[in-house]
């Protein structure tokens, strides 16, 4: 792959202006200037891991090893990742089922590995297109695919059972051992039901929780009224809490919806960071501007 210089990056960005502007139709973004300030850095719960408040998500409509971000192609993905890093984003959210590991590996040829935090996830539900692996085998494969010796955050992906901590005991034990060996820095789970979320909030093992949150309950585990107290319990216990589905997986993209959701999440006081999947630089810049303004208000 040809090395992407800053000059060629800008040149290609200018050439792609018309395409990117068309991609803004779902957001209704009118501003086209780059974010004037970088996103800030936060500490993830008691983990001690410092990362950007916003992660570059890579799993929009992610399924069967494909996502909206991987559909950008390697060059498009790398350009977006470089722009994210230049904008202060040091947090990258990938996963096996998104197919984004190898795309991030290409981006890490231009972004210093030691300056970023990588989150990935292990899928545990058998189906006809993915082979479920033990944690040791999955972690070895993930590190090769990404091109890194260690992983910062590893989650048990998409848990729905209220009994998942017991059902995933072997996975939990293996991840704890991997942490002791320095293969991973911290671990946890992403949840997709209220029962699973409650189990996560009460788990002594879990250190990081990835949870769905927005003000209207779109693609969430239940209504905000039922979910928020559970997230607060996790946050107050020192768990690192990362919000996802902030824009409802593309359902909350009108001007007032995006503004209301970011306000809701950031002012809840229960979330350390959030992950959002962007398809172009302008969407990312607009969100960074809004986050910076809300945080400073």
Protein backbone atom coordinates (compact mmCIF):
# COMPACT_ATOMS: atom_id res chain seq x y z
CA UNK A 1 0.00 0.00 0.00
CA UNK A 2 1.29 3.42 -0.96
CA UNK A 3 2.18 5.61 2.00
CA UNK A 4 -0.38 8.32 2.64
CA UNK A 5 1.29 11.65 3.29
CA UNK A 6 -0.37 14.64 4.86
CA UNK A 7 -0.21 16.47 1.50
CA UNK A 8 -1.83 13.63 -0.44
CA UNK A 9 -4.42 13.22 2.33
CA UNK A 10 -5.49 16.87 2.01
CA UNK A 11 -5.41 16.70 -1.79
CA UNK A 12 -7.61 13.62 -1.86
CA UNK A 13 -9.92 15.14 0.72
CA UNK A 14 -10.48 18.16 -1.52
CA UNK A 15 -11.17 15.92 -4.48
CA UNK A 16 -13.72 14.02 -2.45
CA UNK A 17 -15.63 17.05 -1.21
CA UNK A 18 -18.67 16.44 -3.41
CA UNK A 19 -18.89 12.82 -2.33
CA UNK A 20 -18.55 13.65 1.35
CA UNK A 21 -21.12 16.42 1.14
CA UNK A 22 -23.58 13.95 -0.35
CA UNK A 23 -22.86 11.63 2.56
CA UNK A 24 -23.99 14.35 4.96
CA UNK A 25 -27.60 14.11 3.85
CA UNK A 26 -28.51 11.78 6.72
CA UNK A 27 -26.98 14.20 9.20
CA UNK A 28 -28.23 17.46 7.75
CA UNK A 29 -24.85 19.05 8.51
CA UNK A 30 -24.34 22.48 7.00
CA UNK A 31 -20.91 23.27 8.43
CA UNK A 32 -17.94 22.15 6.34
CA UNK A 33 -14.97 23.48 8.27
CA UNK A 34 -12.78 21.07 10.20
CA UNK A 35 -13.17 20.92 13.97
CA UNK A 36 -11.23 23.86 15.39
CA UNK A 37 -10.33 22.07 18.60
CA UNK A 38 -9.42 18.48 19.35
CA UNK A 39 -11.54 16.16 21.40
CA UNK A 40 -10.45 15.93 25.04
CA UNK A 41 -8.97 12.97 26.92
CA UNK A 42 -10.57 11.16 29.86
CA UNK A 43 -9.73 8.26 32.17
CA UNK A 44 -11.80 5.10 31.78
CA UNK A 45 -13.21 4.25 35.20
CA UNK A 46 -10.69 2.73 37.59
CA UNK A 47 -8.73 1.14 34.74
CA UNK A 48 -6.27 4.04 34.60
CA UNK A 49 -6.47 3.96 30.81
CA UNK A 50 -6.47 7.42 29.26
CA UNK A 51 -8.34 7.76 25.99
CA UNK A 52 -10.30 10.28 23.96
CA UNK A 53 -13.85 10.99 25.06
CA UNK A 54 -14.95 9.92 21.58
CA UNK A 55 -14.00 6.69 19.83
CA UNK A 56 -13.97 6.10 16.10
CA UNK A 57 -16.52 3.33 15.81
CA UNK A 58 -16.09 0.83 12.97
CA UNK A 59 -19.25 -1.25 13.31
CA UNK A 60 -22.13 0.73 11.83
CA UNK A 61 -24.47 -1.98 10.54
CA UNK A 62 -21.60 -4.36 11.26
CA UNK A 63 -22.38 -7.99 10.56
CA UNK A 64 -20.76 -10.92 8.76
CA UNK A 65 -17.35 -9.19 8.86
CA UNK A 66 -18.60 -6.09 7.02
CA UNK A 67 -19.64 -2.63 8.22
CA UNK A 68 -20.33 0.79 6.75
CA UNK A 69 -16.78 1.77 7.72
CA UNK A 70 -15.10 -1.19 6.00
CA UNK A 71 -17.24 -0.48 2.92
CA UNK A 72 -15.22 2.74 2.60
CA UNK A 73 -12.36 0.54 1.38
CA UNK A 74 -8.88 0.41 2.86
CA UNK A 75 -7.86 3.86 1.64
CA UNK A 76 -11.12 5.48 2.74
CA UNK A 77 -10.90 3.82 6.15
CA UNK A 78 -7.26 4.84 6.62
CA UNK A 79 -7.98 8.44 5.57
CA UNK A 80 -10.82 8.62 8.10
CA UNK A 81 -8.69 7.06 10.86
CA UNK A 82 -5.86 9.53 10.17
CA UNK A 83 -8.30 12.41 10.34
CA UNK A 84 -9.66 11.04 13.62
CA UNK A 85 -6.18 10.89 15.12
CA UNK A 86 -5.39 14.40 13.88
CA UNK A 87 -8.61 15.52 15.61
CA UNK A 88 -7.49 14.09 18.95
CA UNK A 89 -9.29 10.74 18.72
CA UNK A 90 -6.98 8.17 20.27
CA UNK A 91 -9.66 5.53 20.83
CA UNK A 92 -10.56 3.00 18.12
CA UNK A 93 -13.47 0.57 18.49
CA UNK A 94 -13.19 -2.55 16.32
CA UNK A 95 -14.56 -6.10 16.41
CA UNK A 96 -14.26 -9.47 14.75
CA UNK A 97 -17.82 -9.44 13.39
CA UNK A 98 -17.28 -5.99 11.83
CA UNK A 99 -14.29 -7.20 9.82
CA UNK A 100 -12.42 -4.06 10.86
CA UNK A 101 -9.27 -5.59 12.41
CA UNK A 102 -7.24 -5.67 9.21
CA UNK A 103 -8.42 -2.18 8.25
CA UNK A 104 -7.11 -0.83 11.55
CA UNK A 105 -3.83 -2.64 10.92
CA UNK A 106 -3.40 -0.60 7.75
CA UNK A 107 -4.20 2.62 9.64
CA UNK A 108 -1.57 1.76 12.27
CA UNK A 109 1.07 2.04 9.56
CA UNK A 110 0.53 5.80 9.80
CA UNK A 111 -0.76 6.20 13.37
CA UNK A 112 1.58 5.42 16.33
CA UNK A 113 0.28 2.27 18.06
CA UNK A 114 1.58 3.42 21.45
CA UNK A 115 -0.55 6.58 21.27
CA UNK A 116 -3.91 4.90 20.75
CA UNK A 117 -6.30 2.69 22.69
CA UNK A 118 -7.80 -0.28 20.85
CA UNK A 119 -11.05 -1.90 21.93
CA UNK A 120 -12.16 -5.17 20.37
CA UNK A 121 -14.74 -7.84 21.14
CA UNK A 122 -15.04 -11.64 21.17
CA UNK A 123 -18.23 -13.08 19.70
CA UNK A 124 -19.74 -16.00 21.66
CA UNK A 125 -22.93 -17.01 19.79
CA UNK A 126 -22.41 -19.79 17.19
CA UNK A 127 -23.87 -19.25 13.74
CA UNK A 128 -23.19 -20.33 10.17
CA UNK A 129 -20.69 -17.58 9.30
CA UNK A 130 -18.41 -17.26 12.31
CA UNK A 131 -16.56 -19.86 14.34
CA UNK A 132 -16.63 -19.23 18.07
CA UNK A 133 -13.14 -19.51 19.56
CA UNK A 134 -11.75 -19.66 23.06
CA UNK A 135 -10.33 -16.41 24.40
CA UNK A 136 -6.65 -17.47 23.99
CA UNK A 137 -7.15 -18.44 20.34
CA UNK A 138 -9.26 -15.37 19.59
CA UNK A 139 -6.75 -13.01 21.21
CA UNK A 140 -3.86 -14.53 19.28
CA UNK A 141 -5.77 -14.14 16.02
CA UNK A 142 -6.94 -10.62 16.81
CA UNK A 143 -3.43 -9.43 17.57
CA UNK A 144 -2.14 -10.85 14.29
CA UNK A 145 -5.01 -9.28 12.34
CA UNK A 146 -4.48 -5.87 13.93
CA UNK A 147 -0.69 -6.11 13.98
CA UNK A 148 -0.15 -5.45 17.68
CA UNK A 149 1.44 -7.30 20.59
CA UNK A 150 -1.31 -6.33 23.04
CA UNK A 151 -4.91 -5.18 23.14
CA UNK A 152 -6.10 -2.42 25.43
CA UNK A 153 -9.76 -3.34 26.00
CA UNK A 154 -11.36 -6.70 25.20
CA UNK A 155 -15.08 -7.26 25.67
CA UNK A 156 -17.30 -10.31 25.58
CA UNK A 157 -19.51 -9.22 22.72
CA UNK A 158 -23.28 -8.64 22.75
CA UNK A 159 -24.42 -10.46 25.87
CA UNK A 160 -28.18 -10.90 26.27
CA UNK A 161 -28.58 -13.49 29.02
CA UNK A 162 -29.06 -12.25 32.59
CA UNK A 163 -26.86 -15.20 33.59
CA UNK A 164 -24.03 -14.38 31.20
CA UNK A 165 -21.35 -13.98 33.93
CA UNK A 166 -21.81 -17.62 34.93
CA UNK A 167 -22.37 -18.88 31.38
CA UNK A 168 -19.17 -17.14 30.24
CA UNK A 169 -17.07 -18.16 33.25
CA UNK A 170 -14.40 -19.84 31.12
CA UNK A 171 -14.16 -16.78 28.91
CA UNK A 172 -13.93 -14.53 31.96
CA UNK A 173 -11.19 -16.63 33.53
CA UNK A 174 -9.20 -16.69 30.29
CA UNK A 175 -9.45 -12.92 29.89
CA UNK A 176 -8.33 -12.43 33.50
CA UNK A 177 -5.31 -14.61 32.79
CA UNK A 178 -4.58 -12.67 29.60
CA UNK A 179 -4.60 -9.47 31.64
CA UNK A 180 -2.12 -10.95 34.11
CA UNK A 181 0.16 -11.84 31.18
CA UNK A 182 -0.05 -8.34 29.71
CA UNK A 183 -1.85 -9.50 26.57
CA UNK A 184 -4.77 -7.20 27.39
CA UNK A 185 -5.01 -4.20 29.72
CA UNK A 186 -8.63 -4.46 30.83
CA UNK A 187 -11.80 -6.39 30.04
CA UNK A 188 -15.56 -6.39 30.24
CA UNK A 189 -18.67 -6.90 28.13
CA UNK A 190 -21.13 -5.23 25.79
CA UNK A 191 -24.77 -5.80 26.68
CA UNK A 192 -27.93 -6.04 24.60
CA UNK A 193 -30.67 -6.68 27.14
CA UNK A 194 -31.69 -5.13 30.44
CA UNK A 195 -31.06 -8.39 32.27
CA UNK A 196 -27.55 -8.66 30.89
CA UNK A 197 -26.92 -5.00 31.73
CA UNK A 198 -27.99 -5.51 35.33
CA UNK A 199 -25.70 -8.53 35.61
CA UNK A 200 -22.81 -6.46 34.24
CA UNK A 201 -23.43 -3.62 36.67
CA UNK A 202 -23.30 -6.05 39.58
CA UNK A 203 -20.30 -8.07 38.37
CA UNK A 204 -17.09 -7.89 40.39
CA UNK A 205 -15.17 -9.22 37.38
CA UNK A 206 -16.27 -6.68 34.77
CA UNK A 207 -14.07 -3.58 34.49
CA UNK A 208 -15.49 -2.00 31.32
CA UNK A 209 -19.11 -1.80 30.19
CA UNK A 210 -20.20 -0.94 26.65
CA UNK A 211 -23.85 0.05 26.80
CA UNK A 212 -26.52 1.52 24.55
CA UNK A 213 -27.65 4.99 25.56
CA UNK A 214 -29.71 7.82 24.08
CA UNK A 215 -32.60 9.95 25.36
CA UNK A 216 -35.45 8.21 23.55
CA UNK A 217 -34.55 4.52 23.92
CA UNK A 218 -33.89 3.78 20.25
CA UNK A 219 -32.00 0.46 19.94
CA UNK A 220 -31.53 0.44 23.73
CA UNK A 221 -32.01 -2.37 26.26
CA UNK A 222 -35.16 -0.70 27.60
CA UNK A 223 -36.47 2.81 28.24
CA UNK A 224 -33.97 5.41 29.47
CA UNK A 225 -35.88 5.53 32.77
CA UNK A 226 -35.09 1.86 33.38
CA UNK A 227 -31.62 1.77 31.87
CA UNK A 228 -30.03 4.89 33.35
CA UNK A 229 -30.14 3.76 37.02
CA UNK A 230 -28.36 0.56 36.01
CA UNK A 231 -25.67 2.47 34.12
CA UNK A 232 -25.29 4.77 37.13
CA UNK A 233 -24.76 1.75 39.39
CA UNK A 234 -21.97 0.52 37.11
CA UNK A 235 -20.36 3.95 36.85
CA UNK A 236 -20.56 4.65 40.59
CA UNK A 237 -18.84 1.33 41.33
CA UNK A 238 -15.81 2.46 39.30
CA UNK A 239 -16.47 0.54 36.12
CA UNK A 240 -15.43 2.23 32.91
CA UNK A 241 -18.62 3.03 31.00
CA UNK A 242 -18.61 3.56 27.24
CA UNK A 243 -21.81 4.62 25.51
CA UNK A 244 -22.89 3.32 22.11
CA UNK A 245 -25.94 3.85 19.86
CA UNK A 246 -25.76 7.53 20.75
CA UNK A 247 -27.49 8.36 17.48
CA UNK A 248 -29.64 5.22 17.57
CA UNK A 249 -27.72 3.41 14.82
CA UNK A 250 -28.60 6.14 12.34
CA UNK A 251 -32.15 6.73 13.60
CA UNK A 252 -31.36 9.98 15.46
CA UNK A 253 -29.51 12.11 12.95
CA UNK A 254 -31.62 15.21 12.59
CA UNK A 255 -30.07 18.39 13.95
CA UNK A 256 -32.17 18.52 17.11
CA UNK A 257 -31.89 14.77 17.69
CA UNK A 258 -28.11 14.71 17.56
CA UNK A 259 -27.87 17.74 19.82
CA UNK A 260 -30.35 16.31 22.34
CA UNK A 261 -28.66 12.91 22.45
CA UNK A 262 -25.16 14.26 22.97
CA UNK A 263 -26.48 16.56 25.70
CA UNK A 264 -28.26 13.66 27.38
CA UNK A 265 -25.24 11.37 27.36
CA UNK A 266 -22.60 13.92 28.32
CA UNK A 267 -24.66 15.53 31.07
CA UNK A 268 -25.81 12.23 32.57
CA UNK A 269 -22.58 11.98 34.53
CA UNK A 270 -22.65 8.20 34.03
CA UNK A 271 -20.51 7.76 30.92
CA UNK A 272 -16.73 8.11 30.53
CA UNK A 273 -16.58 7.94 26.75
CA UNK A 274 -18.68 7.09 23.72
CA UNK A 275 -18.21 5.35 20.40
CA UNK A 276 -19.83 6.62 17.21
CA UNK A 277 -19.44 5.27 13.69
CA UNK A 278 -18.77 7.98 11.11
CA UNK A 279 -18.76 7.63 7.36
CA UNK A 280 -16.83 10.80 6.57
CA UNK A 281 -14.74 13.57 8.10
CA UNK A 282 -17.52 16.15 8.20
CA UNK A 283 -19.76 13.97 10.34
CA UNK A 284 -16.85 13.46 12.72
CA UNK A 285 -15.93 17.15 12.83
CA UNK A 286 -19.50 18.18 13.52
CA UNK A 287 -19.76 15.76 16.44
CA UNK A 288 -16.44 16.86 17.92
CA UNK A 289 -17.52 20.49 17.79
CA UNK A 290 -20.79 19.67 19.53
CA UNK A 291 -19.11 17.56 22.23
CA UNK A 292 -16.53 20.26 22.96
CA UNK A 293 -19.23 22.92 23.22
CA UNK A 294 -21.46 20.82 25.49
CA UNK A 295 -18.60 19.79 27.79
CA UNK A 296 -17.41 23.38 28.16
CA UNK A 297 -20.90 24.83 28.72
